[in-house]
Amino acid sequence: MPVPPKAALVLYGKPKVDEAWLTGFLTALSGPLATALENARLYSLLEEKERQRAELLKAWLRAQEEERARIARELHDEVGQALTGLILGLEGLPGERALALKELARFTLAEVRRLALDLRPSLLDHLGLEAALVRYVREFADRTGIEVDLSFHLRQPLPKELETVVYRVVQEALTNVARHSGSPRAAVGVLEAEGEVRVFVEDEGRGFDPRAVGPGHQGLLGMRERVELLGGRFLLESAPGEGTRVQIRLPLEVVA
């Protein structure tokens, strides 16, 4: 029987290898193999760098929320109390100037409270996400004149990290509605389905091209990063003249 070219020969029970062919074969293989191993090493290194970056960003976001909470408490407790005392002190003073100062102090107190709420609502820590969103939506509607329909359906409280992300996404999305949409109405939905918390914020405003997000919409990028850090998905649907819909989906089990 003829022996195929480049094959090993067996003579007297012992294999005989075509050494020149084997050397050429191994030489030809070594280049792609070395490239594949180097690519695998670089990919592993990139994955580790991305994991470290994500951990640093998570730590930074947690520190940011803690600092927001501290500043909000100081605004509410110290500045708020000082302004309240000033208002009470002006109560007994006669004259239009005293009246104007009292009105200015009341306006400043309202702004301080609003700023504290925007920084970190105490209700989010003490009573949970639903109470915090109800209050924020009510005050947003009072401040902007935009009617907001809030629908909230969760079977159980969310982990604190998820509550913070959901609150911030709703806050940022409604801020964009007020700044850019020109819509008289907005809708907010928070629900639980298929092991996820799903959130949407939509309006009937002027819309925009999501492919051409400008400086005025940089908050959208921050929302996306927050959501993706927790293993979620961020979806944006909009077109000129057709309104905007922001959606997020987050796994109920927080990604470590």
C-alpha atoms as a PDB file:
ATOM      1  CA  MET A   1       0.000   0.000   0.000  1.00  0.00           C
ATOM      2  CA  PRO A   2       1.481   3.415  -0.904  1.00  0.00           C
ATOM      3  CA  VAL A   3       2.317   5.738   1.988  1.00  0.00           C
ATOM      4  CA  PRO A   4       0.773   9.260   1.780  1.00  0.00           C
ATOM      5  CA  PRO A   5       3.269  12.105   1.417  1.00  0.00           C
ATOM      6  CA  LYS A   6       4.464  13.734   4.657  1.00  0.00           C
ATOM      7  CA  ALA A   7       3.044  10.842   6.713  1.00  0.00           C
ATOM      8  CA  ALA A   8       4.892   8.983   9.440  1.00  0.00           C
ATOM      9  CA  LEU A   9       6.354   5.644   8.334  1.00  0.00           C
ATOM     10  CA  VAL A  10       6.330   2.550  10.509  1.00  0.00           C
ATOM     11  CA  LEU A  11       9.290   0.238   9.924  1.00  0.00           C
ATOM     12  CA  TYR A  12       9.863  -2.815  12.092  1.00  0.00           C
ATOM     13  CA  GLY A  13       7.246  -1.496  14.593  1.00  0.00           C
ATOM     14  CA  LYS A  14       8.936   1.922  15.082  1.00  0.00           C
ATOM     15  CA  PRO A  15       7.570   5.230  13.678  1.00  0.00           C
ATOM     16  CA  LYS A  16       9.818   7.279  11.444  1.00  0.00           C
ATOM     17  CA  VAL A  17       8.893  10.974  11.096  1.00  0.00           C
ATOM     18  CA  ASP A  18       9.722  13.226   8.180  1.00  0.00           C
ATOM     19  CA  GLU A  19      11.737  15.678  10.287  1.00  0.00           C
ATOM     20  CA  ALA A  20      11.912  18.380   7.648  1.00  0.00           C
ATOM     21  CA  TRP A  21       8.139  18.356   7.232  1.00  0.00           C
ATOM     22  CA  LEU A  22       7.591  18.370  11.020  1.00  0.00           C
ATOM     23  CA  THR A  23      10.003  21.265  11.470  1.00  0.00           C
ATOM     24  CA  GLY A  24       8.242  23.253   8.786  1.00  0.00           C
ATOM     25  CA  PHE A  25       4.842  22.439  10.225  1.00  0.00           C
ATOM     26  CA  LEU A  26       5.813  23.541  13.741  1.00  0.00           C
ATOM     27  CA  THR A  27       7.477  26.672  12.395  1.00  0.00           C
ATOM     28  CA  ALA A  28       4.351  27.583  10.446  1.00  0.00           C
ATOM     29  CA  LEU A  29       2.204  26.916  13.509  1.00  0.00           C
ATOM     30  CA  SER A  30       4.338  28.889  15.938  1.00  0.00           C
ATOM     31  CA  GLY A  31       3.502  32.301  14.445  1.00  0.00           C
ATOM     32  CA  PRO A  32      -0.320  32.100  14.691  1.00  0.00           C
ATOM     33  CA  LEU A  33      -0.043  30.303  18.034  1.00  0.00           C
ATOM     34  CA  ALA A  34       2.158  33.030  19.489  1.00  0.00           C
ATOM     35  CA  THR A  35      -0.237  35.666  18.155  1.00  0.00           C
ATOM     36  CA  ALA A  36      -3.231  33.871  19.673  1.00  0.00           C
ATOM     37  CA  LEU A  37      -1.502  33.555  23.050  1.00  0.00           C
ATOM     38  CA  GLU A  38      -0.525  37.232  23.016  1.00  0.00           C
ATOM     39  CA  ASN A  39      -4.072  38.246  22.080  1.00  0.00           C
ATOM     40  CA  ALA A  40      -5.429  36.115  24.922  1.00  0.00           C
ATOM     41  CA  ARG A  41      -2.981  37.754  27.340  1.00  0.00           C
ATOM     42  CA  LEU A  42      -3.936  41.247  26.171  1.00  0.00           C
ATOM     43  CA  TYR A  43      -7.652  40.439  26.355  1.00  0.00           C
ATOM     44  CA  SER A  44      -7.252  39.135  29.900  1.00  0.00           C
ATOM     45  CA  LEU A  45      -5.302  42.267  30.818  1.00  0.00           C
ATOM     46  CA  LEU A  46      -7.989  44.467  29.265  1.00  0.00           C
ATOM     47  CA  GLU A  47     -10.715  42.623  31.181  1.00  0.00           C
ATOM     48  CA  GLU A  48      -8.827  43.145  34.438  1.00  0.00           C
ATOM     49  CA  LYS A  49      -8.314  46.847  33.695  1.00  0.00           C
ATOM     50  CA  GLU A  50     -12.023  47.224  32.909  1.00  0.00           C
ATOM     51  CA  ARG A  51     -12.952  45.411  36.136  1.00  0.00           C
ATOM     52  CA  GLN A  52     -10.688  47.732  38.118  1.00  0.00           C
ATOM     53  CA  ARG A  53     -12.141  50.780  36.357  1.00  0.00           C
ATOM     54  CA  ALA A  54     -15.685  49.622  37.122  1.00  0.00           C
ATOM     55  CA  GLU A  55     -14.813  49.046  40.785  1.00  0.00           C
ATOM     56  CA  LEU A  56     -13.225  52.491  41.049  1.00  0.00           C
ATOM     57  CA  LEU A  57     -16.254  54.096  39.413  1.00  0.00           C
ATOM     58  CA  LYS A  58     -18.627  52.256  41.753  1.00  0.00           C
ATOM     59  CA  ALA A  59     -16.597  53.407  44.750  1.00  0.00           C
ATOM     60  CA  TRP A  60     -16.591  56.964  43.411  1.00  0.00           C
ATOM     61  CA  LEU A  61     -20.373  56.911  42.911  1.00  0.00           C
ATOM     62  CA  ARG A  62     -20.898  55.587  46.451  1.00  0.00           C
ATOM     63  CA  ALA A  63     -18.634  58.304  47.839  1.00  0.00           C
ATOM     64  CA  GLN A  64     -20.485  60.893  45.758  1.00  0.00           C
ATOM     65  CA  GLU A  65     -23.851  59.784  47.167  1.00  0.00           C
ATOM     66  CA  GLU A  66     -22.473  59.877  50.718  1.00  0.00           C
ATOM     67  CA  GLU A  67     -21.132  63.399  50.155  1.00  0.00           C
ATOM     68  CA  ARG A  68     -24.452  64.486  48.638  1.00  0.00           C
ATOM     69  CA  ALA A  69     -26.244  63.139  51.706  1.00  0.00           C
ATOM     70  CA  ARG A  70     -23.887  64.987  54.056  1.00  0.00           C
ATOM     71  CA  ILE A  71     -24.301  68.302  52.229  1.00  0.00           C
ATOM     72  CA  ALA A  72     -28.074  67.822  52.030  1.00  0.00           C
ATOM     73  CA  ARG A  73     -28.239  67.270  55.803  1.00  0.00           C
ATOM     74  CA  GLU A  74     -26.163  70.382  56.463  1.00  0.00           C
ATOM     75  CA  LEU A  75     -28.318  72.472  54.141  1.00  0.00           C
ATOM     76  CA  HIS A  76     -31.511  71.211  55.719  1.00  0.00           C
ATOM     77  CA  ASP A  77     -30.413  71.288  59.346  1.00  0.00           C
ATOM     78  CA  GLU A  78     -28.039  74.251  59.586  1.00  0.00           C
ATOM     79  CA  VAL A  79     -28.880  76.623  56.740  1.00  0.00           C
ATOM     80  CA  GLY A  80     -32.565  75.748  56.877  1.00  0.00           C
ATOM     81  CA  GLN A  81     -32.781  76.355  60.611  1.00  0.00           C
ATOM     82  CA  ALA A  82     -30.882  79.640  60.313  1.00  0.00           C
ATOM     83  CA  LEU A  83     -33.281  80.887  57.634  1.00  0.00           C
ATOM     84  CA  THR A  84     -36.283  79.768  59.674  1.00  0.00           C
ATOM     85  CA  GLY A  85     -34.934  81.741  62.639  1.00  0.00           C
ATOM     86  CA  LEU A  86     -34.416  84.769  60.406  1.00  0.00           C
ATOM     87  CA  ILE A  87     -38.013  84.579  59.173  1.00  0.00           C
ATOM     88  CA  LEU A  88     -39.314  84.372  62.743  1.00  0.00           C
ATOM     89  CA  GLY A  89     -37.121  87.324  63.739  1.00  0.00           C
ATOM     90  CA  LEU A  90     -38.536  89.437  60.920  1.00  0.00           C
ATOM     91  CA  GLU A  91     -42.144  88.667  61.821  1.00  0.00           C
ATOM     92  CA  GLY A  92     -42.469  91.450  64.374  1.00  0.00           C
ATOM     93  CA  LEU A  93     -40.748  94.159  62.349  1.00  0.00           C
ATOM     94  CA  PRO A  94     -42.927  96.777  60.657  1.00  0.00           C
ATOM     95  CA  GLY A  95     -42.423  98.345  57.245  1.00  0.00           C
ATOM     96  CA  GLU A  96     -42.162  97.305  53.639  1.00  0.00           C
ATOM     97  CA  ARG A  97     -38.425  96.639  53.854  1.00  0.00           C
ATOM     98  CA  ALA A  98     -38.931  94.082  56.619  1.00  0.00           C
ATOM     99  CA  LEU A  99     -41.721  92.473  54.583  1.00  0.00           C
ATOM    100  CA  ALA A 100     -39.460  92.265  51.507  1.00  0.00           C
ATOM    101  CA  LEU A 101     -36.658  90.726  53.565  1.00  0.00           C
ATOM    102  CA  LYS A 102     -39.061  88.193  55.020  1.00  0.00           C
ATOM    103  CA  GLU A 103     -40.264  87.182  51.540  1.00  0.00           C
ATOM    104  CA  LEU A 104     -36.672  86.884  50.357  1.00  0.00           C
ATOM    105  CA  ALA A 105     -35.814  84.672  53.328  1.00  0.00           C
ATOM    106  CA  ARG A 106     -38.841  82.456  52.626  1.00  0.00           C
ATOM    107  CA  PHE A 107     -37.871  82.128  48.968  1.00  0.00           C
ATOM    108  CA  THR A 108     -34.281  81.285  49.922  1.00  0.00           C
ATOM    109  CA  LEU A 109     -35.493  78.682  52.423  1.00  0.00           C
ATOM    110  CA  ALA A 110     -37.631  77.035  49.740  1.00  0.00           C
ATOM    111  CA  GLU A 111     -34.649  76.959  47.358  1.00  0.00           C
ATOM    112  CA  VAL A 112     -32.387  75.475  50.035  1.00  0.00           C
ATOM    113  CA  ARG A 113     -34.932  72.730  50.706  1.00  0.00           C
ATOM    114  CA  ARG A 114     -35.271  72.038  46.972  1.00  0.00           C
ATOM    115  CA  LEU A 115     -31.495  71.853  46.600  1.00  0.00           C
ATOM    116  CA  ALA A 116     -31.253  69.468  49.556  1.00  0.00           C
ATOM    117  CA  LEU A 117     -33.955  67.300  47.979  1.00  0.00           C
ATOM    118  CA  ASP A 118     -32.101  67.222  44.661  1.00  0.00           C
ATOM    119  CA  LEU A 119     -28.830  66.333  46.353  1.00  0.00           C
ATOM    120  CA  ARG A 120     -30.159  63.421  48.393  1.00  0.00           C
ATOM    121  CA  PRO A 121     -33.775  63.037  49.543  1.00  0.00           C
ATOM    122  CA  SER A 122     -33.951  61.861  53.149  1.00  0.00           C
ATOM    123  CA  LEU A 123     -37.122  59.946  52.245  1.00  0.00           C
ATOM    124  CA  LEU A 124     -35.067  57.646  50.011  1.00  0.00           C
ATOM    125  CA  ASP A 125     -33.044  56.507  53.014  1.00  0.00           C
ATOM    126  CA  HIS A 126     -35.864  56.461  55.561  1.00  0.00           C
ATOM    127  CA  LEU A 127     -39.046  55.467  53.685  1.00  0.00           C
ATOM    128  CA  GLY A 128     -37.768  54.016  50.417  1.00  0.00           C
ATOM    129  CA  LEU A 129     -37.972  54.596  46.692  1.00  0.00           C
ATOM    130  CA  GLU A 130     -41.722  54.978  46.211  1.00  0.00           C
ATOM    131  CA  ALA A 131     -42.120  57.714  48.843  1.00  0.00           C
ATOM    132  CA  ALA A 132     -39.066  59.559  47.492  1.00  0.00           C
ATOM    133  CA  LEU A 133     -40.335  59.429  43.899  1.00  0.00           C
ATOM    134  CA  VAL A 134     -43.862  60.523  44.853  1.00  0.00           C
ATOM    135  CA  ARG A 135     -42.453  63.564  46.619  1.00  0.00           C
ATOM    136  CA  TYR A 136     -39.956  64.379  43.873  1.00  0.00           C
ATOM    137  CA  VAL A 137     -42.577  64.095  41.108  1.00  0.00           C
ATOM    138  CA  ARG A 138     -45.004  66.293  43.046  1.00  0.00           C
ATOM    139  CA  GLU A 139     -42.411  69.001  43.649  1.00  0.00           C
ATOM    140  CA  PHE A 140     -41.158  68.744  40.055  1.00  0.00           C
ATOM    141  CA  ALA A 141     -44.705  69.277  38.762  1.00  0.00           C
ATOM    142  CA  ASP A 142     -45.253  72.235  41.111  1.00  0.00           C
ATOM    143  CA  ARG A 143     -41.963  73.827  40.067  1.00  0.00           C
ATOM    144  CA  THR A 144     -42.188  73.298  36.288  1.00  0.00           C
ATOM    145  CA  GLY A 145     -45.911  73.111  35.574  1.00  0.00           C
ATOM    146  CA  ILE A 146     -45.354  69.778  33.781  1.00  0.00           C
ATOM    147  CA  GLU A 147     -47.987  67.162  34.609  1.00  0.00           C
ATOM    148  CA  VAL A 148     -46.370  63.846  35.574  1.00  0.00           C
ATOM    149  CA  ASP A 149     -48.165  60.489  35.737  1.00  0.00           C
ATOM    150  CA  LEU A 150     -46.287  58.157  38.117  1.00  0.00           C
ATOM    151  CA  SER A 151     -46.947  54.414  38.055  1.00  0.00           C
ATOM    152  CA  PHE A 152     -45.135  52.349  40.703  1.00  0.00           C
ATOM    153  CA  HIS A 153     -45.496  48.566  41.027  1.00  0.00           C
ATOM    154  CA  LEU A 154     -42.799  46.702  42.943  1.00  0.00           C
ATOM    155  CA  ARG A 155     -43.490  43.587  45.001  1.00  0.00           C
ATOM    156  CA  GLN A 156     -40.582  44.159  47.379  1.00  0.00           C
ATOM    157  CA  PRO A 157     -38.117  46.893  48.356  1.00  0.00           C
ATOM    158  CA  LEU A 158     -35.053  47.140  46.146  1.00  0.00           C
ATOM    159  CA  PRO A 159     -31.444  46.951  47.333  1.00  0.00           C
ATOM    160  CA  LYS A 160     -30.205  50.424  48.267  1.00  0.00           C
ATOM    161  CA  GLU A 161     -27.826  50.571  45.313  1.00  0.00           C
ATOM    162  CA  LEU A 162     -30.671  49.891  42.882  1.00  0.00           C
ATOM    163  CA  GLU A 163     -32.943  52.423  44.584  1.00  0.00           C
ATOM    164  CA  THR A 164     -30.295  55.105  44.191  1.00  0.00           C
ATOM    165  CA  VAL A 165     -29.783  54.379  40.481  1.00  0.00           C
ATOM    166  CA  VAL A 166     -33.522  54.312  39.738  1.00  0.00           C
ATOM    167  CA  TYR A 167     -34.058  57.588  41.594  1.00  0.00           C
ATOM    168  CA  ARG A 168     -31.147  59.288  39.812  1.00  0.00           C
ATOM    169  CA  VAL A 169     -32.307  58.097  36.381  1.00  0.00           C
ATOM    170  CA  VAL A 170     -35.845  59.394  36.965  1.00  0.00           C
ATOM    171  CA  GLN A 171     -34.446  62.663  38.325  1.00  0.00           C
ATOM    172  CA  GLU A 172     -32.103  63.201  35.363  1.00  0.00           C
ATOM    173  CA  ALA A 173     -34.678  62.158  32.772  1.00  0.00           C
ATOM    174  CA  LEU A 174     -37.325  64.526  34.181  1.00  0.00           C
ATOM    175  CA  THR A 175     -34.746  67.315  34.322  1.00  0.00           C
ATOM    176  CA  ASN A 176     -34.159  66.757  30.602  1.00  0.00           C
ATOM    177  CA  VAL A 177     -37.920  66.862  29.994  1.00  0.00           C
ATOM    178  CA  ALA A 178     -38.098  70.275  31.671  1.00  0.00           C
ATOM    179  CA  ARG A 179     -35.006  71.648  29.917  1.00  0.00           C
ATOM    180  CA  HIS A 180     -35.366  70.328  26.394  1.00  0.00           C
ATOM    181  CA  SER A 181     -38.688  68.713  25.512  1.00  0.00           C
ATOM    182  CA  GLY A 182     -41.238  71.522  25.701  1.00  0.00           C
ATOM    183  CA  SER A 183     -43.769  68.837  26.654  1.00  0.00           C
ATOM    184  CA  PRO A 184     -46.672  69.692  28.994  1.00  0.00           C
ATOM    185  CA  ARG A 185     -46.815  66.096  30.227  1.00  0.00           C
ATOM    186  CA  ALA A 186     -44.521  63.226  31.172  1.00  0.00           C
ATOM    187  CA  ALA A 187     -45.011  59.669  32.394  1.00  0.00           C
ATOM    188  CA  VAL A 188     -42.835  57.691  34.807  1.00  0.00           C
ATOM    189  CA  GLY A 189     -43.153  53.955  35.369  1.00  0.00           C
ATOM    190  CA  VAL A 190     -41.362  51.649  37.810  1.00  0.00           C
ATOM    191  CA  LEU A 191     -42.289  47.955  37.762  1.00  0.00           C
ATOM    192  CA  GLU A 192     -40.941  44.484  38.389  1.00  0.00           C
ATOM    193  CA  ALA A 193     -40.976  41.764  35.721  1.00  0.00           C
ATOM    194  CA  GLU A 194     -38.985  38.619  34.929  1.00  0.00           C
ATOM    195  CA  GLY A 195     -36.375  39.178  37.618  1.00  0.00           C
ATOM    196  CA  GLU A 196     -35.792  42.787  36.613  1.00  0.00           C
ATOM    197  CA  VAL A 197     -36.799  46.239  37.730  1.00  0.00           C
ATOM    198  CA  ARG A 198     -37.927  48.172  34.660  1.00  0.00           C
ATOM    199  CA  VAL A 199     -38.161  51.941  34.572  1.00  0.00           C
ATOM    200  CA  PHE A 200     -39.308  54.336  31.878  1.00  0.00           C
ATOM    201  CA  VAL A 201     -39.644  58.101  31.584  1.00  0.00           C
ATOM    202  CA  GLU A 202     -41.374  59.428  28.468  1.00  0.00           C
ATOM    203  CA  ASP A 203     -42.641  62.745  27.171  1.00  0.00           C
ATOM    204  CA  GLU A 204     -44.584  64.136  24.213  1.00  0.00           C
ATOM    205  CA  GLY A 205     -42.079  66.858  23.388  1.00  0.00           C
ATOM    206  CA  ARG A 206     -39.930  67.881  20.476  1.00  0.00           C
ATOM    207  CA  GLY A 207     -37.557  64.918  20.651  1.00  0.00           C
ATOM    208  CA  PHE A 208     -34.058  64.765  19.174  1.00  0.00           C
ATOM    209  CA  ASP A 209     -31.692  62.526  17.234  1.00  0.00           C
ATOM    210  CA  PRO A 210     -30.034  60.169  19.779  1.00  0.00           C
ATOM    211  CA  ARG A 211     -27.044  59.798  17.441  1.00  0.00           C
ATOM    212  CA  ALA A 212     -26.261  63.487  17.840  1.00  0.00           C
ATOM    213  CA  VAL A 213     -26.318  63.890  21.618  1.00  0.00           C
ATOM    214  CA  GLY A 214     -24.872  67.315  22.423  1.00  0.00           C
ATOM    215  CA  PRO A 215     -23.504  68.895  25.612  1.00  0.00           C
ATOM    216  CA  GLY A 216     -27.044  69.529  26.853  1.00  0.00           C
ATOM    217  CA  HIS A 217     -27.682  65.793  27.089  1.00  0.00           C
ATOM    218  CA  GLN A 218     -24.454  64.653  28.778  1.00  0.00           C
ATOM    219  CA  GLY A 219     -26.532  63.492  31.732  1.00  0.00           C
ATOM    220  CA  LEU A 220     -27.762  60.669  29.495  1.00  0.00           C
ATOM    221  CA  LEU A 221     -24.234  59.270  29.335  1.00  0.00           C
ATOM    222  CA  GLY A 222     -23.990  59.363  33.122  1.00  0.00           C
ATOM    223  CA  MET A 223     -27.289  57.501  33.389  1.00  0.00           C
ATOM    224  CA  ARG A 224     -26.098  54.828  30.968  1.00  0.00           C
ATOM    225  CA  GLU A 225     -22.861  54.291  32.899  1.00  0.00           C
ATOM    226  CA  ARG A 226     -24.647  53.991  36.250  1.00  0.00           C
ATOM    227  CA  VAL A 227     -27.060  51.417  34.827  1.00  0.00           C
ATOM    228  CA  GLU A 228     -24.438  49.333  33.030  1.00  0.00           C
ATOM    229  CA  LEU A 229     -22.249  49.197  36.152  1.00  0.00           C
ATOM    230  CA  LEU A 230     -25.046  47.209  37.814  1.00  0.00           C
ATOM    231  CA  GLY A 231     -25.395  44.833  34.878  1.00  0.00           C
ATOM    232  CA  GLY A 232     -28.406  46.639  33.439  1.00  0.00           C
ATOM    233  CA  ARG A 233     -29.449  47.978  30.062  1.00  0.00           C
ATOM    234  CA  PHE A 234     -30.113  51.573  29.090  1.00  0.00           C
ATOM    235  CA  LEU A 235     -32.405  52.275  26.124  1.00  0.00           C
ATOM    236  CA  LEU A 236     -33.121  55.637  24.543  1.00  0.00           C
ATOM    237  CA  GLU A 237     -35.830  56.159  21.932  1.00  0.00           C
ATOM    238  CA  SER A 238     -36.364  59.575  20.385  1.00  0.00           C
ATOM    239  CA  ALA A 239     -36.795  61.347  17.070  1.00  0.00           C
ATOM    240  CA  PRO A 240     -37.387  64.986  16.140  1.00  0.00           C
ATOM    241  CA  GLY A 241     -41.037  65.811  16.749  1.00  0.00           C
ATOM    242  CA  GLU A 242     -41.850  62.421  18.284  1.00  0.00           C
ATOM    243  CA  GLY A 243     -41.000  62.800  21.967  1.00  0.00           C
ATOM    244  CA  THR A 244     -38.455  60.865  24.012  1.00  0.00           C
ATOM    245  CA  ARG A 245     -38.563  57.625  25.988  1.00  0.00           C
ATOM    246  CA  VAL A 246     -35.800  56.611  28.387  1.00  0.00           C
ATOM    247  CA  GLN A 247     -35.896  53.005  29.597  1.00  0.00           C
ATOM    248  CA  ILE A 248     -33.684  51.032  31.931  1.00  0.00           C
ATOM    249  CA  ARG A 249     -33.701  47.384  32.943  1.00  0.00           C
ATOM    250  CA  LEU A 250     -31.775  46.282  36.011  1.00  0.00           C
ATOM    251  CA  PRO A 251     -31.364  42.770  37.431  1.00  0.00           C
ATOM    252  CA  LEU A 252     -32.892  42.559  40.898  1.00  0.00           C
ATOM    253  CA  GLU A 253     -29.707  40.899  42.126  1.00  0.00           C
ATOM    254  CA  VAL A 254     -27.063  43.617  42.136  1.00  0.00           C
ATOM    255  CA  VAL A 255     -23.918  42.767  40.207  1.00  0.00           C
ATOM    256  CA  ALA A 256     -20.973  42.670  42.620  1.00  0.00           C
END
